[in-house]
N, C-alpha and C. Protein backbone atom coordinates (compact mmCIF):
# COMPACT_ATOMS: atom_id res chain seq x y z
N MET A 1 0.83 -1.18 0.00
CA MET A 1 0.00 0.00 0.00
C MET A 1 0.88 1.24 0.00
N LYS A 2 0.34 2.30 -0.55
CA LYS A 2 1.03 3.60 -0.60
C LYS A 2 0.14 4.66 0.03
N GLU A 3 0.80 5.67 0.61
CA GLU A 3 0.09 6.87 1.03
C GLU A 3 0.51 7.97 0.08
N ILE A 4 -0.46 8.64 -0.50
CA ILE A 4 -0.19 9.79 -1.36
C ILE A 4 -0.65 11.03 -0.61
N LYS A 5 0.24 12.01 -0.54
CA LYS A 5 -0.06 13.28 0.13
C LYS A 5 0.24 14.38 -0.88
N ALA A 6 -0.73 15.25 -1.11
CA ALA A 6 -0.54 16.32 -2.10
C ALA A 6 -0.96 17.66 -1.49
N PHE A 7 -0.17 18.69 -1.79
CA PHE A 7 -0.49 20.06 -1.39
C PHE A 7 -0.93 20.79 -2.64
N ILE A 8 -2.18 21.26 -2.63
CA ILE A 8 -2.84 21.73 -3.85
C ILE A 8 -3.42 23.12 -3.62
N ARG A 9 -3.32 23.97 -4.63
CA ARG A 9 -3.91 25.31 -4.55
C ARG A 9 -5.42 25.22 -4.36
N GLN A 10 -5.97 26.20 -3.65
CA GLN A 10 -7.39 26.19 -3.31
C GLN A 10 -8.31 26.02 -4.51
N HIS A 11 -8.01 26.74 -5.57
CA HIS A 11 -8.90 26.74 -6.72
C HIS A 11 -8.79 25.49 -7.59
N ARG A 12 -7.92 24.54 -7.22
CA ARG A 12 -7.75 23.31 -8.01
C ARG A 12 -8.27 22.06 -7.30
N ILE A 13 -8.64 22.15 -6.02
CA ILE A 13 -8.99 20.95 -5.26
C ILE A 13 -10.21 20.23 -5.83
N ALA A 14 -11.22 20.97 -6.26
CA ALA A 14 -12.42 20.33 -6.83
C ALA A 14 -12.06 19.54 -8.09
N ASN A 15 -11.16 20.09 -8.91
CA ASN A 15 -10.71 19.40 -10.12
C ASN A 15 -9.98 18.11 -9.77
N VAL A 16 -9.18 18.16 -8.71
CA VAL A 16 -8.41 16.99 -8.29
C VAL A 16 -9.36 15.89 -7.81
N LEU A 17 -10.33 16.24 -6.98
CA LEU A 17 -11.28 15.24 -6.48
C LEU A 17 -12.08 14.63 -7.63
N GLU A 18 -12.45 15.45 -8.60
CA GLU A 18 -13.16 14.94 -9.78
C GLU A 18 -12.27 13.99 -10.58
N ALA A 19 -11.00 14.33 -10.74
CA ALA A 19 -10.06 13.47 -11.47
C ALA A 19 -9.88 12.13 -10.75
N LEU A 20 -9.85 12.15 -9.43
CA LEU A 20 -9.73 10.89 -8.68
C LEU A 20 -10.98 10.04 -8.88
N ARG A 21 -12.17 10.65 -8.84
CA ARG A 21 -13.41 9.92 -9.10
C ARG A 21 -13.40 9.33 -10.52
N ASP A 22 -12.99 10.16 -11.48
CA ASP A 22 -12.98 9.74 -12.88
C ASP A 22 -11.95 8.65 -13.17
N SER A 23 -10.96 8.50 -12.30
CA SER A 23 -9.94 7.47 -12.50
C SER A 23 -10.52 6.07 -12.40
N GLY A 24 -11.68 5.94 -11.75
CA GLY A 24 -12.29 4.63 -11.57
C GLY A 24 -11.75 3.87 -10.37
N HIS A 25 -10.81 4.47 -9.64
CA HIS A 25 -10.20 3.79 -8.49
C HIS A 25 -10.59 4.42 -7.16
N CYS A 26 -11.19 5.60 -7.17
CA CYS A 26 -11.58 6.29 -5.94
C CYS A 26 -13.05 6.66 -6.04
N ASP A 27 -13.85 6.23 -5.08
CA ASP A 27 -15.28 6.52 -5.15
C ASP A 27 -15.75 7.50 -4.08
N MET A 28 -14.86 8.10 -3.32
CA MET A 28 -15.12 9.12 -2.31
C MET A 28 -15.95 8.63 -1.13
N SER A 29 -16.33 7.35 -1.12
CA SER A 29 -17.02 6.82 0.06
C SER A 29 -16.00 6.26 1.04
N ASN A 30 -14.73 6.34 0.66
CA ASN A 30 -13.62 5.80 1.45
C ASN A 30 -13.71 4.30 1.61
N SER A 31 -14.39 3.64 0.68
CA SER A 31 -14.44 2.18 0.71
C SER A 31 -14.11 1.60 -0.67
N GLY A 32 -13.54 2.44 -1.53
CA GLY A 32 -13.26 2.02 -2.90
C GLY A 32 -12.16 0.98 -2.99
N ASN A 33 -12.20 0.21 -4.07
CA ASN A 33 -11.13 -0.75 -4.33
C ASN A 33 -9.95 0.00 -4.89
N GLY A 34 -8.81 -0.12 -4.28
CA GLY A 34 -7.61 0.51 -4.78
C GLY A 34 -7.33 1.88 -4.21
N CYS A 35 -8.32 2.57 -3.67
CA CYS A 35 -8.12 3.92 -3.14
C CYS A 35 -9.11 4.16 -2.01
N HIS A 36 -8.60 4.50 -0.83
CA HIS A 36 -9.50 4.74 0.29
C HIS A 36 -8.85 5.66 1.32
N ASN A 37 -9.62 5.99 2.35
CA ASN A 37 -9.16 6.89 3.42
C ASN A 37 -8.73 8.24 2.87
N ILE A 38 -9.56 8.81 2.00
CA ILE A 38 -9.27 10.12 1.42
C ILE A 38 -9.66 11.21 2.42
N THR A 39 -8.73 12.10 2.69
CA THR A 39 -9.01 13.26 3.54
C THR A 39 -8.51 14.52 2.86
N VAL A 40 -9.20 15.62 3.11
CA VAL A 40 -8.81 16.92 2.59
C VAL A 40 -8.81 17.89 3.76
N SER A 41 -7.68 18.59 3.96
CA SER A 41 -7.55 19.55 5.05
C SER A 41 -7.07 20.88 4.50
N LYS A 42 -7.58 21.97 5.06
CA LYS A 42 -7.10 23.30 4.67
C LYS A 42 -5.83 23.58 5.46
N VAL A 43 -4.78 24.02 4.76
CA VAL A 43 -3.49 24.31 5.39
C VAL A 43 -2.97 25.65 4.90
N GLN A 44 -1.96 26.18 5.59
CA GLN A 44 -1.30 27.43 5.19
C GLN A 44 0.19 27.16 5.03
N ARG A 45 0.74 27.65 3.93
CA ARG A 45 2.16 27.45 3.66
C ARG A 45 2.86 28.80 3.71
N PRO A 46 3.83 28.97 4.62
CA PRO A 46 4.55 30.26 4.69
C PRO A 46 5.58 30.37 3.57
N LEU A 47 5.12 30.83 2.42
CA LEU A 47 5.99 30.95 1.26
C LEU A 47 5.45 32.06 0.38
N ALA A 48 6.32 32.90 -0.12
CA ALA A 48 5.89 33.97 -1.02
C ALA A 48 5.45 33.36 -2.34
N SER A 49 4.33 33.80 -2.84
CA SER A 49 3.81 33.33 -4.12
C SER A 49 4.19 34.32 -5.21
N GLY A 50 4.40 33.81 -6.41
CA GLY A 50 4.65 34.69 -7.54
C GLY A 50 3.42 35.51 -7.88
N ASP A 51 2.26 35.02 -7.46
CA ASP A 51 1.00 35.71 -7.70
C ASP A 51 0.51 36.30 -6.38
N PRO A 52 0.58 37.62 -6.21
CA PRO A 52 0.19 38.24 -4.94
C PRO A 52 -1.26 38.00 -4.56
N THR A 53 -2.12 37.66 -5.51
CA THR A 53 -3.52 37.38 -5.16
C THR A 53 -3.66 36.05 -4.43
N GLN A 54 -2.62 35.21 -4.49
CA GLN A 54 -2.67 33.90 -3.84
C GLN A 54 -2.24 33.94 -2.38
N GLN A 55 -1.57 35.01 -1.96
CA GLN A 55 -1.07 35.03 -0.58
C GLN A 55 -1.82 36.05 0.27
N HIS A 56 -1.83 35.78 1.56
CA HIS A 56 -2.44 36.70 2.51
C HIS A 56 -1.62 36.66 3.80
N TYR A 57 -1.92 37.53 4.72
CA TYR A 57 -1.15 37.62 5.96
C TYR A 57 -1.84 36.81 7.05
N SER A 58 -1.08 35.94 7.70
CA SER A 58 -1.60 35.12 8.79
C SER A 58 -1.27 35.79 10.12
N MET A 59 -2.29 36.11 10.89
CA MET A 59 -2.06 36.69 12.21
C MET A 59 -1.42 35.65 13.14
N GLU A 60 -1.79 34.38 12.98
CA GLU A 60 -1.24 33.33 13.83
C GLU A 60 0.25 33.11 13.57
N LEU A 61 0.64 33.13 12.31
CA LEU A 61 2.03 32.87 11.96
C LEU A 61 2.85 34.15 11.82
N ALA A 62 2.20 35.28 11.78
CA ALA A 62 2.85 36.59 11.66
C ALA A 62 3.71 36.69 10.40
N GLU A 63 3.19 36.17 9.31
CA GLU A 63 3.88 36.32 8.02
C GLU A 63 2.92 36.01 6.87
N ALA A 64 3.38 36.30 5.67
CA ALA A 64 2.57 36.03 4.49
C ALA A 64 2.50 34.52 4.26
N VAL A 65 1.32 34.04 3.90
CA VAL A 65 1.12 32.61 3.66
C VAL A 65 0.26 32.41 2.41
N ILE A 66 0.30 31.20 1.91
CA ILE A 66 -0.56 30.78 0.82
C ILE A 66 -1.51 29.73 1.40
N ALA A 67 -2.80 29.93 1.24
CA ALA A 67 -3.77 28.94 1.70
C ALA A 67 -3.88 27.85 0.64
N GLU A 68 -3.74 26.61 1.07
CA GLU A 68 -3.80 25.46 0.18
C GLU A 68 -4.65 24.37 0.83
N TYR A 69 -4.82 23.28 0.10
CA TYR A 69 -5.44 22.08 0.65
C TYR A 69 -4.42 20.96 0.65
N LYS A 70 -4.48 20.15 1.70
CA LYS A 70 -3.66 18.94 1.77
C LYS A 70 -4.59 17.76 1.55
N LEU A 71 -4.33 16.99 0.51
CA LEU A 71 -5.09 15.80 0.19
C LEU A 71 -4.25 14.60 0.61
N GLU A 72 -4.86 13.68 1.34
CA GLU A 72 -4.17 12.45 1.72
C GLU A 72 -5.06 11.28 1.37
N LEU A 73 -4.44 10.22 0.85
CA LEU A 73 -5.18 9.00 0.56
C LEU A 73 -4.25 7.80 0.66
N VAL A 74 -4.85 6.64 0.83
CA VAL A 74 -4.12 5.38 0.84
C VAL A 74 -4.61 4.60 -0.36
N CYS A 75 -3.66 3.98 -1.08
CA CYS A 75 -4.05 3.26 -2.29
C CYS A 75 -3.21 2.00 -2.46
N ALA A 76 -3.69 1.14 -3.33
CA ALA A 76 -2.95 -0.06 -3.69
C ALA A 76 -1.71 0.33 -4.49
N ASP A 77 -0.65 -0.45 -4.35
CA ASP A 77 0.60 -0.16 -5.05
C ASP A 77 0.40 -0.03 -6.56
N ASP A 78 -0.46 -0.88 -7.13
CA ASP A 78 -0.59 -0.90 -8.59
C ASP A 78 -1.34 0.29 -9.17
N VAL A 79 -1.97 1.13 -8.35
CA VAL A 79 -2.65 2.32 -8.87
C VAL A 79 -1.99 3.62 -8.42
N ALA A 80 -0.93 3.53 -7.63
CA ALA A 80 -0.29 4.74 -7.07
C ALA A 80 0.19 5.69 -8.17
N ASP A 81 0.88 5.17 -9.18
CA ASP A 81 1.38 6.04 -10.25
C ASP A 81 0.24 6.68 -11.04
N LEU A 82 -0.79 5.91 -11.31
CA LEU A 82 -1.95 6.43 -12.04
C LEU A 82 -2.62 7.55 -11.26
N LEU A 83 -2.81 7.37 -9.95
CA LEU A 83 -3.45 8.40 -9.13
C LEU A 83 -2.56 9.63 -8.98
N THR A 84 -1.25 9.42 -8.84
CA THR A 84 -0.32 10.54 -8.75
C THR A 84 -0.37 11.38 -10.02
N ASP A 85 -0.39 10.71 -11.17
CA ASP A 85 -0.49 11.43 -12.45
C ASP A 85 -1.81 12.19 -12.56
N ALA A 86 -2.91 11.58 -12.13
CA ALA A 86 -4.22 12.24 -12.19
C ALA A 86 -4.23 13.49 -11.31
N ILE A 87 -3.64 13.38 -10.12
CA ILE A 87 -3.56 14.54 -9.21
C ILE A 87 -2.72 15.64 -9.84
N ALA A 88 -1.55 15.28 -10.36
CA ALA A 88 -0.64 16.27 -10.94
C ALA A 88 -1.29 17.02 -12.10
N LYS A 89 -1.98 16.31 -12.98
CA LYS A 89 -2.63 16.96 -14.13
C LYS A 89 -3.77 17.87 -13.68
N ALA A 90 -4.59 17.40 -12.74
CA ALA A 90 -5.75 18.19 -12.31
C ALA A 90 -5.35 19.38 -11.44
N ALA A 91 -4.21 19.28 -10.75
CA ALA A 91 -3.78 20.36 -9.85
C ALA A 91 -2.91 21.40 -10.55
N ALA A 92 -2.47 21.11 -11.77
CA ALA A 92 -1.56 22.01 -12.47
C ALA A 92 -2.17 23.39 -12.69
N THR A 93 -1.36 24.41 -12.46
CA THR A 93 -1.80 25.79 -12.68
C THR A 93 -1.01 26.47 -13.79
N GLY A 94 0.08 25.84 -14.21
CA GLY A 94 0.96 26.47 -15.18
C GLY A 94 1.99 27.38 -14.55
N GLN A 95 1.93 27.52 -13.23
CA GLN A 95 2.88 28.37 -12.50
C GLN A 95 3.89 27.49 -11.77
N PRO A 96 5.12 27.99 -11.60
CA PRO A 96 6.08 27.24 -10.81
C PRO A 96 5.61 27.17 -9.36
N ASP A 97 5.96 26.11 -8.69
CA ASP A 97 5.64 25.93 -7.28
C ASP A 97 4.14 25.95 -7.01
N ALA A 98 3.38 25.27 -7.87
CA ALA A 98 1.92 25.23 -7.71
C ALA A 98 1.48 24.16 -6.72
N GLY A 99 2.40 23.38 -6.20
CA GLY A 99 2.06 22.34 -5.23
C GLY A 99 3.08 21.23 -5.22
N TRP A 100 2.82 20.24 -4.39
CA TRP A 100 3.73 19.10 -4.25
C TRP A 100 2.91 17.83 -4.08
N ILE A 101 3.47 16.70 -4.54
CA ILE A 101 2.87 15.38 -4.31
C ILE A 101 3.97 14.49 -3.74
N PHE A 102 3.65 13.81 -2.66
CA PHE A 102 4.58 12.87 -2.03
C PHE A 102 3.93 11.50 -1.98
N SER A 103 4.73 10.46 -2.17
CA SER A 103 4.25 9.09 -2.08
C SER A 103 5.14 8.33 -1.12
N SER A 104 4.52 7.60 -0.19
CA SER A 104 5.28 6.84 0.82
C SER A 104 4.73 5.43 0.91
N GLU A 105 5.59 4.51 1.25
CA GLU A 105 5.20 3.12 1.47
C GLU A 105 4.54 2.99 2.84
N ILE A 106 3.41 2.30 2.90
CA ILE A 106 2.75 2.00 4.18
C ILE A 106 3.30 0.66 4.65
N GLN A 107 3.95 0.65 5.78
CA GLN A 107 4.53 -0.57 6.32
C GLN A 107 3.50 -1.43 7.06
N HIS A 108 2.58 -0.77 7.74
CA HIS A 108 1.62 -1.50 8.57
C HIS A 108 0.39 -0.63 8.76
N ALA A 109 -0.77 -1.24 8.71
CA ALA A 109 -2.02 -0.51 8.94
C ALA A 109 -2.93 -1.35 9.82
N VAL A 110 -3.59 -0.69 10.75
CA VAL A 110 -4.53 -1.37 11.65
C VAL A 110 -5.86 -0.63 11.59
N ARG A 111 -6.92 -1.33 11.29
CA ARG A 111 -8.26 -0.73 11.26
C ARG A 111 -8.77 -0.62 12.69
N ILE A 112 -9.25 0.55 13.06
CA ILE A 112 -9.83 0.76 14.39
C ILE A 112 -11.33 0.54 14.27
N ARG A 113 -11.86 -0.28 15.11
CA ARG A 113 -13.31 -0.60 15.06
C ARG A 113 -13.98 -0.14 16.32
């Protein structure tokens, strides 16, 4: 199993979720074959953006930040590359530093009941 974690611009997250649904491996019920445990969290990245409309000032962090979404999912090894490609295409903005995708091996998982 793999964990895919992606940091995506706010205006691209809906496209990414649609691309995952359209892949045929993620059904958003978190019980799909090949892709499950999908979570989306709003995050702030302290980094200057080339586009000033993308950044704002965080009172908590006391600096300029870019608001993004962090998408996390667990998937079967055989669909990890396909899902990573789908995320990358749907999240693309044409600008440098538009986000990041990380993939990690899951060594052990325990379902909590």
